[in-house]
PDB file of N, CA and C in Angstrom:
ATOM      1  N   MET A   1     171.047-145.380  56.706  1.00  0.00           N
ATOM      2  CA  MET A   1     170.689-146.773  57.610  1.00  0.00           C
ATOM      3  C   MET A   1     172.183-147.113  57.442  1.00  0.00           C
ATOM      4  N   ALA A   2     173.227-147.285  57.097  1.00  0.00           N
ATOM      5  CA  ALA A   2     174.267-148.072  58.035  1.00  0.00           C
ATOM      6  C   ALA A   2     174.862-146.901  58.594  1.00  0.00           C
ATOM      7  N   VAL A   3     174.967-145.787  58.998  1.00  0.00           N
ATOM      8  CA  VAL A   3     175.485-145.035  60.094  1.00  0.00           C
ATOM      9  C   VAL A   3     174.714-145.344  61.581  1.00  0.00           C
ATOM     10  N   ILE A   4     173.600-145.857  60.654  1.00  0.00           N
ATOM     11  CA  ILE A   4     172.483-146.286  62.246  1.00  0.00           C
ATOM     12  C   ILE A   4     172.688-147.541  62.961  1.00  0.00           C
ATOM     13  N   GLN A   5     172.915-148.173  61.908  1.00  0.00           N
ATOM     14  CA  GLN A   5     173.240-149.444  62.132  1.00  0.00           C
ATOM     15  C   GLN A   5     174.443-149.996  63.173  1.00  0.00           C
ATOM     16  N   GLU A   6     175.923-148.541  62.419  1.00  0.00           N
ATOM     17  CA  GLU A   6     176.871-148.796  62.843  1.00  0.00           C
ATOM     18  C   GLU A   6     177.051-147.985  64.207  1.00  0.00           C
ATOM     19  N   ALA A   7     176.647-146.939  64.338  1.00  0.00           N
ATOM     20  CA  ALA A   7     176.715-146.476  65.561  1.00  0.00           C
ATOM     21  C   ALA A   7     175.735-147.230  66.709  1.00  0.00           C
ATOM     22  N   TRP A   8     174.724-147.772  66.687  1.00  0.00           N
ATOM     23  CA  TRP A   8     173.872-149.141  67.282  1.00  0.00           C
ATOM     24  C   TRP A   8     174.666-150.122  67.594  1.00  0.00           C
ATOM     25  N   ILE A   9     175.619-150.692  66.763  1.00  0.00           N
ATOM     26  CA  ILE A   9     176.741-151.688  66.903  1.00  0.00           C
ATOM     27  C   ILE A   9     177.553-151.284  67.980  1.00  0.00           C
ATOM     28  N   GLY A  10     178.687-150.007  68.113  1.00  0.00           N
ATOM     29  CA  GLY A  10     178.975-149.210  68.424  1.00  0.00           C
ATOM     30  C   GLY A  10     178.482-148.786  69.871  1.00  0.00           C
ATOM     31  N   GLY A  11     177.490-149.237  70.257  1.00  0.00           N
ATOM     32  CA  GLY A  11     177.135-148.697  71.687  1.00  0.00           C
ATOM     33  C   GLY A  11     176.069-147.814  71.715  1.00  0.00           C
ATOM     34  N   VAL A  12     176.119-146.874  70.591  1.00  0.00           N
ATOM     35  CA  VAL A  12     175.838-145.335  70.867  1.00  0.00           C
ATOM     36  C   VAL A  12     173.981-145.801  70.994  1.00  0.00           C
ATOM     37  N   SER A  13     173.029-145.665  72.212  1.00  0.00           N
ATOM     38  CA  SER A  13     171.663-145.329  72.663  1.00  0.00           C
ATOM     39  C   SER A  13     170.956-144.951  71.277  1.00  0.00           C
ATOM     40  N   THR A  14     169.510-145.476  71.091  1.00  0.00           N
ATOM     41  CA  THR A  14     168.743-145.040  70.223  1.00  0.00           C
ATOM     42  C   THR A  14     168.134-143.696  70.128  1.00  0.00           C
ATOM     43  N   ARG A  15     168.183-143.104  71.591  1.00  0.00           N
ATOM     44  CA  ARG A  15     168.230-141.572  71.630  1.00  0.00           C
ATOM     45  C   ARG A  15     169.102-141.090  71.501  1.00  0.00           C
ATOM     46  N   LYS A  16     170.447-141.582  71.838  1.00  0.00           N
ATOM     47  CA  LYS A  16     171.597-140.275  71.167  1.00  0.00           C
ATOM     48  C   LYS A  16     171.868-140.205  69.915  1.00  0.00           C
ATOM     49  N   VAL A  17     171.286-141.599  68.483  1.00  0.00           N
ATOM     50  CA  VAL A  17     171.626-142.340  67.748  1.00  0.00           C
ATOM     51  C   VAL A  17     170.698-140.356  66.628  1.00  0.00           C
ATOM     52  N   ASP A  18     169.320-140.323  66.998  1.00  0.00           N
ATOM     53  CA  ASP A  18     169.100-138.674  66.943  1.00  0.00           C
ATOM     54  C   ASP A  18     169.722-137.720  67.119  1.00  0.00           C
ATOM     55  N   ASP A  19     170.694-137.377  67.574  1.00  0.00           N
ATOM     56  CA  ASP A  19     171.829-136.482  67.895  1.00  0.00           C
ATOM     57  C   ASP A  19     173.005-136.702  66.702  1.00  0.00           C
ATOM     58  N   LEU A  20     173.160-137.851  66.297  1.00  0.00           N
ATOM     59  CA  LEU A  20     174.380-137.999  66.062  1.00  0.00           C
ATOM     60  C   LEU A  20     173.551-137.622  64.056  1.00  0.00           C
ATOM     61  N   VAL A  21     172.247-138.313  64.034  1.00  0.00           N
ATOM     62  CA  VAL A  21     172.189-137.674  62.716  1.00  0.00           C
ATOM     63  C   VAL A  21     172.183-136.712  62.664  1.00  0.00           C
ATOM     64  N   GLN A  22     171.648-135.997  63.323  1.00  0.00           N
ATOM     65  CA  GLN A  22     171.578-133.960  63.355  1.00  0.00           C
ATOM     66  C   GLN A  22     172.902-133.273  63.372  1.00  0.00           C
ATOM     67  N   THR A  23     173.679-134.604  63.942  1.00  0.00           N
ATOM     68  CA  THR A  23     175.036-133.910  63.578  1.00  0.00           C
ATOM     69  C   THR A  23     175.736-134.002  62.225  1.00  0.00           C
ATOM     70  N   MET A  24     174.947-134.936  61.915  1.00  0.00           N
ATOM     71  CA  MET A  24     175.816-135.218  60.162  1.00  0.00           C
ATOM     72  C   MET A  24     174.553-134.351  59.738  1.00  0.00           C
ATOM     73  N   GLY A  25     173.998-133.281  59.843  1.00  0.00           N
ATOM     74  CA  GLY A  25     172.935-132.298  58.832  1.00  0.00           C
ATOM     75  C   GLY A  25     171.870-132.834  58.371  1.00  0.00           C
ATOM     76  N   LEU A  26     171.280-134.151  59.154  1.00  0.00           N
ATOM     77  CA  LEU A  26     169.886-134.685  58.331  1.00  0.00           C
ATOM     78  C   LEU A  26     168.775-134.226  59.368  1.00  0.00           C
ATOM     79  N   SER A  27     167.670-134.483  59.236  1.00  0.00           N
ATOM     80  CA  SER A  27     166.642-134.018  60.339  1.00  0.00           C
ATOM     81  C   SER A  27     166.559-135.300  60.785  1.00  0.00           C
ATOM     82  N   GLY A  28     165.954-135.053  62.255  1.00  0.00           N
ATOM     83  CA  GLY A  28     165.852-135.826  63.196  1.00  0.00           C
ATOM     84  C   GLY A  28     165.100-137.164  62.630  1.00  0.00           C
ATOM     85  N   ILE A  29     165.387-138.473  63.758  1.00  0.00           N
ATOM     86  CA  ILE A  29     164.625-139.805  63.685  1.00  0.00           C
ATOM     87  C   ILE A  29     163.885-139.982  64.783  1.00  0.00           C
ATOM     88  N   SER A  30     162.967-140.825  64.634  1.00  0.00           N
ATOM     89  CA  SER A  30     162.271-141.421  66.032  1.00  0.00           C
ATOM     90  C   SER A  30     162.877-142.603  66.294  1.00  0.00           C
ATOM     91  N   LYS A  31     162.981-143.030  67.521  1.00  0.00           N
ATOM     92  CA  LYS A  31     163.398-144.217  67.672  1.00  0.00           C
ATOM     93  C   LYS A  31     162.793-144.858  67.434  1.00  0.00           C
ATOM     94  N   SER A  32     161.867-145.106  66.373  1.00  0.00           N
ATOM     95  CA  SER A  32     161.502-146.435  66.276  1.00  0.00           C
ATOM     96  C   SER A  32     161.752-146.588  65.086  1.00  0.00           C
ATOM     97  N   THR A  33     162.414-145.736  64.144  1.00  0.00           N
ATOM     98  CA  THR A  33     162.992-145.249  62.739  1.00  0.00           C
ATOM     99  C   THR A  33     164.693-146.596  63.340  1.00  0.00           C
ATOM    100  N   VAL A  34     164.955-145.879  64.134  1.00  0.00           N
ATOM    101  CA  VAL A  34     166.216-146.296  64.636  1.00  0.00           C
ATOM    102  C   VAL A  34     166.482-147.897  64.692  1.00  0.00           C
ATOM    103  N   SER A  35     165.024-148.144  66.009  1.00  0.00           N
ATOM    104  CA  SER A  35     164.841-149.723  66.136  1.00  0.00           C
ATOM    105  C   SER A  35     164.751-150.645  65.191  1.00  0.00           C
ATOM    106  N   LYS A  36     164.193-150.328  64.372  1.00  0.00           N
ATOM    107  CA  LYS A  36     163.804-151.328  63.250  1.00  0.00           C
ATOM    108  C   LYS A  36     164.817-151.788  62.528  1.00  0.00           C
ATOM    109  N   PRO A  37     165.898-150.932  62.105  1.00  0.00           N
ATOM    110  CA  PRO A  37     166.918-151.395  61.079  1.00  0.00           C
ATOM    111  C   PRO A  37     167.842-152.512  62.724  1.00  0.00           C
ATOM    112  N   CYS A  38     167.930-152.116  63.541  1.00  0.00           N
ATOM    113  CA  CYS A  38     168.690-152.249  64.402  1.00  0.00           C
ATOM    114  C   CYS A  38     168.150-153.881  65.481  1.00  0.00           C
ATOM    115  N   LYS A  39     166.826-154.131  65.260  1.00  0.00           N
ATOM    116  CA  LYS A  39     166.142-155.281  65.104  1.00  0.00           C
ATOM    117  C   LYS A  39     166.704-156.293  63.949  1.00  0.00           C
ATOM    118  N   ASP A  40     166.507-155.711  62.608  1.00  0.00           N
ATOM    119  CA  ASP A  40     167.003-156.589  61.708  1.00  0.00           C
ATOM    120  C   ASP A  40     168.474-157.233  61.724  1.00  0.00           C
ATOM    121  N   ILE A  41     169.146-156.508  61.951  1.00  0.00           N
ATOM    122  CA  ILE A  41     170.669-157.007  62.697  1.00  0.00           C
ATOM    123  C   ILE A  41     170.801-158.262  63.580  1.00  0.00           C
ATOM    124  N   ASP A  42     169.830-157.781  64.868  1.00  0.00           N
ATOM    125  CA  ASP A  42     169.591-158.723  66.158  1.00  0.00           C
ATOM    126  C   ASP A  42     168.949-159.739  65.119  1.00  0.00           C
ATOM    127  N   ASP A  43     167.973-160.191  64.306  1.00  0.00           N
ATOM    128  CA  ASP A  43     167.182-161.105  63.793  1.00  0.00           C
ATOM    129  C   ASP A  43     168.924-161.844  62.839  1.00  0.00           C
ATOM    130  N   ARG A  44     169.342-161.334  62.091  1.00  0.00           N
ATOM    131  CA  ARG A  44     169.961-162.024  61.553  1.00  0.00           C
ATOM    132  C   ARG A  44     171.179-162.734  62.094  1.00  0.00           C
ATOM    133  N   VAL A  45     171.954-162.019  63.091  1.00  0.00           N
ATOM    134  CA  VAL A  45     173.054-162.512  64.402  1.00  0.00           C
ATOM    135  C   VAL A  45     172.035-163.916  64.475  1.00  0.00           C
ATOM    136  N   HIS A  46     170.734-163.555  65.320  1.00  0.00           N
ATOM    137  CA  HIS A  46     170.210-164.633  65.796  1.00  0.00           C
ATOM    138  C   HIS A  46     169.961-165.912  64.841  1.00  0.00           C
ATOM    139  N   GLU A  47     170.080-165.762  63.632  1.00  0.00           N
ATOM    140  CA  GLU A  47     169.673-166.775  62.409  1.00  0.00           C
ATOM    141  C   GLU A  47     171.052-167.404  62.462  1.00  0.00           C
ATOM    142  N   PHE A  48     172.110-166.578  62.537  1.00  0.00           N
ATOM    143  CA  PHE A  48     173.315-167.256  62.219  1.00  0.00           C
ATOM    144  C   PHE A  48     173.727-167.778  63.587  1.00  0.00           C
ATOM    145  N   LEU A  49     173.595-167.694  64.718  1.00  0.00           N
ATOM    146  CA  LEU A  49     173.820-167.916  65.876  1.00  0.00           C
ATOM    147  C   LEU A  49     173.165-169.765  66.323  1.00  0.00           C
ATOM    148  N   ASP A  50     171.793-169.948  65.450  1.00  0.00           N
ATOM    149  CA  ASP A  50     170.975-170.777  65.758  1.00  0.00           C
ATOM    150  C   ASP A  50     171.324-171.712  64.524  1.00  0.00           C
ATOM    151  N   CYS A  51     171.696-171.686  63.595  1.00  0.00           N
ATOM    152  CA  CYS A  51     172.324-172.552  62.510  1.00  0.00           C
ATOM    153  C   CYS A  51     172.826-173.847  63.029  1.00  0.00           C
ATOM    154  N   PRO A  52     172.421-175.062  62.766  1.00  0.00           N
ATOM    155  CA  PRO A  52     173.211-176.014  62.821  1.00  0.00           C
ATOM    156  C   PRO A  52     174.776-175.980  62.029  1.00  0.00           C
ATOM    157  N   LEU A  53     175.546-176.715  62.805  1.00  0.00           N
ATOM    158  CA  LEU A  53     177.203-176.815  62.803  1.00  0.00           C
ATOM    159  C   LEU A  53     177.135-177.929  61.749  1.00  0.00           C
ATOM    160  N   ALA A  54     176.528-177.960  61.126  1.00  0.00           N
ATOM    161  CA  ALA A  54     176.757-180.407  60.608  1.00  0.00           C
ATOM    162  C   ALA A  54     177.816-180.125  59.319  1.00  0.00           C
ATOM    163  N   GLY A  55     178.231-181.125  59.267  1.00  0.00           N
ATOM    164  CA  GLY A  55     179.342-181.256  58.610  1.00  0.00           C
ATOM    165  C   GLY A  55     180.706-181.450  59.091  1.00  0.00           C
ATOM    166  N   GLU A  56     181.987-181.156  58.386  1.00  0.00           N
ATOM    167  CA  GLU A  56     183.433-181.252  58.738  1.00  0.00           C
ATOM    168  C   GLU A  56     183.579-179.791  58.541  1.00  0.00           C
ATOM    169  N   TRP A  57     184.264-179.377  59.437  1.00  0.00           N
ATOM    170  CA  TRP A  57     185.036-177.902  59.254  1.00  0.00           C
ATOM    171  C   TRP A  57     186.402-178.009  60.046  1.00  0.00           C
ATOM    172  N   PRO A  58     186.884-177.820  59.078  1.00  0.00           N
ATOM    173  CA  PRO A  58     188.478-177.850  58.196  1.00  0.00           C
ATOM    174  C   PRO A  58     189.046-176.584  59.417  1.00  0.00           C
ATOM    175  N   ASP A  59     190.007-177.064  60.090  1.00  0.00           N
ATOM    176  CA  ASP A  59     190.860-176.199  60.915  1.00  0.00           C
ATOM    177  C   ASP A  59     192.475-176.090  60.456  1.00  0.00           C
ATOM    178  N   LEU A  60     192.992-174.682  60.561  1.00  0.00           N
ATOM    179  CA  LEU A  60     194.547-174.519  59.799  1.00  0.00           C
ATOM    180  C   LEU A  60     194.588-173.707  61.110  1.00  0.00           C
ATOM    181  N   TRP A  61     195.983-173.839  61.690  1.00  0.00           N
ATOM    182  CA  TRP A  61     196.561-173.622  62.910  1.00  0.00           C
ATOM    183  C   TRP A  61     197.685-173.008  62.498  1.00  0.00           C
ATOM    184  N   LEU A  62     198.209-171.846  62.385  1.00  0.00           N
ATOM    185  CA  LEU A  62     199.488-170.790  61.920  1.00  0.00           C
ATOM    186  C   LEU A  62     200.208-170.922  63.368  1.00  0.00           C
ATOM    187  N   ASP A  63     201.373-170.869  63.463  1.00  0.00           N
ATOM    188  CA  ASP A  63     202.220-170.635  64.449  1.00  0.00           C
ATOM    189  C   ASP A  63     203.452-170.196  63.959  1.00  0.00           C
ATOM    190  N   ALA A  64     204.400-168.807  64.368  1.00  0.00           N
ATOM    191  CA  ALA A  64     205.512-168.336  64.221  1.00  0.00           C
ATOM    192  C   ALA A  64     206.235-168.155  65.564  1.00  0.00           C
ATOM    193  N   THR A  65     207.382-167.981  65.124  1.00  0.00           N
ATOM    194  CA  THR A  65     208.240-167.094  66.217  1.00  0.00           C
ATOM    195  C   THR A  65     208.405-165.835  65.587  1.00  0.00           C
ATOM    196  N   TYR A  66     208.544-164.771  65.907  1.00  0.00           N
ATOM    197  CA  TYR A  66     208.978-163.289  65.225  1.00  0.00           C
ATOM    198  C   TYR A  66     210.184-163.153  65.955  1.00  0.00           C
ATOM    199  N   LEU A  67     211.258-163.232  65.026  1.00  0.00           N
ATOM    200  CA  LEU A  67     212.650-162.772  65.339  1.00  0.00           C
ATOM    201  C   LEU A  67     213.029-161.246  64.967  1.00  0.00           C
ATOM    202  N   LYS A  68     214.330-160.281  65.771  1.00  0.00           N
ATOM    203  CA  LYS A  68     214.648-159.257  65.433  1.00  0.00           C
ATOM    204  C   LYS A  68     215.284-159.823  63.860  1.00  0.00           C
ATOM    205  N   VAL A  69     215.122-158.837  62.855  1.00  0.00           N
ATOM    206  CA  VAL A  69     216.171-159.278  61.697  1.00  0.00           C
ATOM    207  C   VAL A  69     216.734-157.718  60.970  1.00  0.00           C
ATOM    208  N   ARG A  70     217.862-157.434  60.482  1.00  0.00           N
ATOM    209  CA  ARG A  70     218.564-156.258  60.284  1.00  0.00           C
ATOM    210  C   ARG A  70     217.945-156.885  58.997  1.00  0.00           C
ATOM    211  N   GLN A  71     217.110-155.906  58.313  1.00  0.00           N
ATOM    212  CA  GLN A  71     216.709-155.336  56.448  1.00  0.00           C
ATOM    213  C   GLN A  71     216.813-154.431  56.661  1.00  0.00           C
ATOM    214  N   GLY A  72     217.799-154.571  55.098  1.00  0.00           N
ATOM    215  CA  GLY A  72     217.930-152.843  54.624  1.00  0.00           C
ATOM    216  C   GLY A  72     218.437-151.951  55.645  1.00  0.00           C
ATOM    217  N   GLY A  73     219.705-152.484  56.428  1.00  0.00           N
ATOM    218  CA  GLY A  73     219.954-150.958  57.624  1.00  0.00           C
ATOM    219  C   GLY A  73     218.823-150.956  58.329  1.00  0.00           C
ATOM    220  N   ARG A  74     217.738-151.708  58.385  1.00  0.00           N
ATOM    221  CA  ARG A  74     216.401-151.567  59.714  1.00  0.00           C
ATOM    222  C   ARG A  74     216.457-152.883  60.116  1.00  0.00           C
ATOM    223  N   ILE A  75     215.840-152.510  61.492  1.00  0.00           N
ATOM    224  CA  ILE A  75     215.467-153.977  62.377  1.00  0.00           C
ATOM    225  C   ILE A  75     214.055-154.012  62.161  1.00  0.00           C
ATOM    226  N   ASN A  76     213.781-155.026  61.738  1.00  0.00           N
ATOM    227  CA  ASN A  76     212.312-155.379  62.005  1.00  0.00           C
ATOM    228  C   ASN A  76     212.076-156.606  62.443  1.00  0.00           C
ATOM    229  N   SER A  77     210.754-157.015  62.766  1.00  0.00           N
ATOM    230  CA  SER A  77     210.558-158.282  63.293  1.00  0.00           C
ATOM    231  C   SER A  77     209.783-159.143  62.320  1.00  0.00           C
ATOM    232  N   VAL A  78     210.157-160.525  62.001  1.00  0.00           N
ATOM    233  CA  VAL A  78     209.810-161.330  60.891  1.00  0.00           C
ATOM    234  C   VAL A  78     209.269-162.676  61.177  1.00  0.00           C
ATOM    235  N   ALA A  79     208.720-163.006  61.079  1.00  0.00           N
ATOM    236  CA  ALA A  79     208.115-164.388  61.624  1.00  0.00           C
ATOM    237  C   ALA A  79     209.247-165.341  60.828  1.00  0.00           C
ATOM    238  N   ARG A  80     209.073-166.828  61.350  1.00  0.00           N
ATOM    239  CA  ARG A  80     210.578-167.640  60.851  1.00  0.00           C
ATOM    240  C   ARG A  80     209.732-168.941  61.126  1.00  0.00           C
TER     241      ARG A  80
END
């Protein structure tokens, strides 16, 4: 199921997932078998997107300047 979900997230159509599964040496699967775990992902994403953002959410901003520095005879990009 993880391969099916990963393929779907990567943009593989439900129709092409069957070919992918067969390439992996497994027997073919129906479109509805592909659609169910993918619908589960959609449901979880929508649940996350619809949850309220109550309370405080601290922010941490980091910034750096990258300089070329010679270290051990090599030139490296180092954050300062």
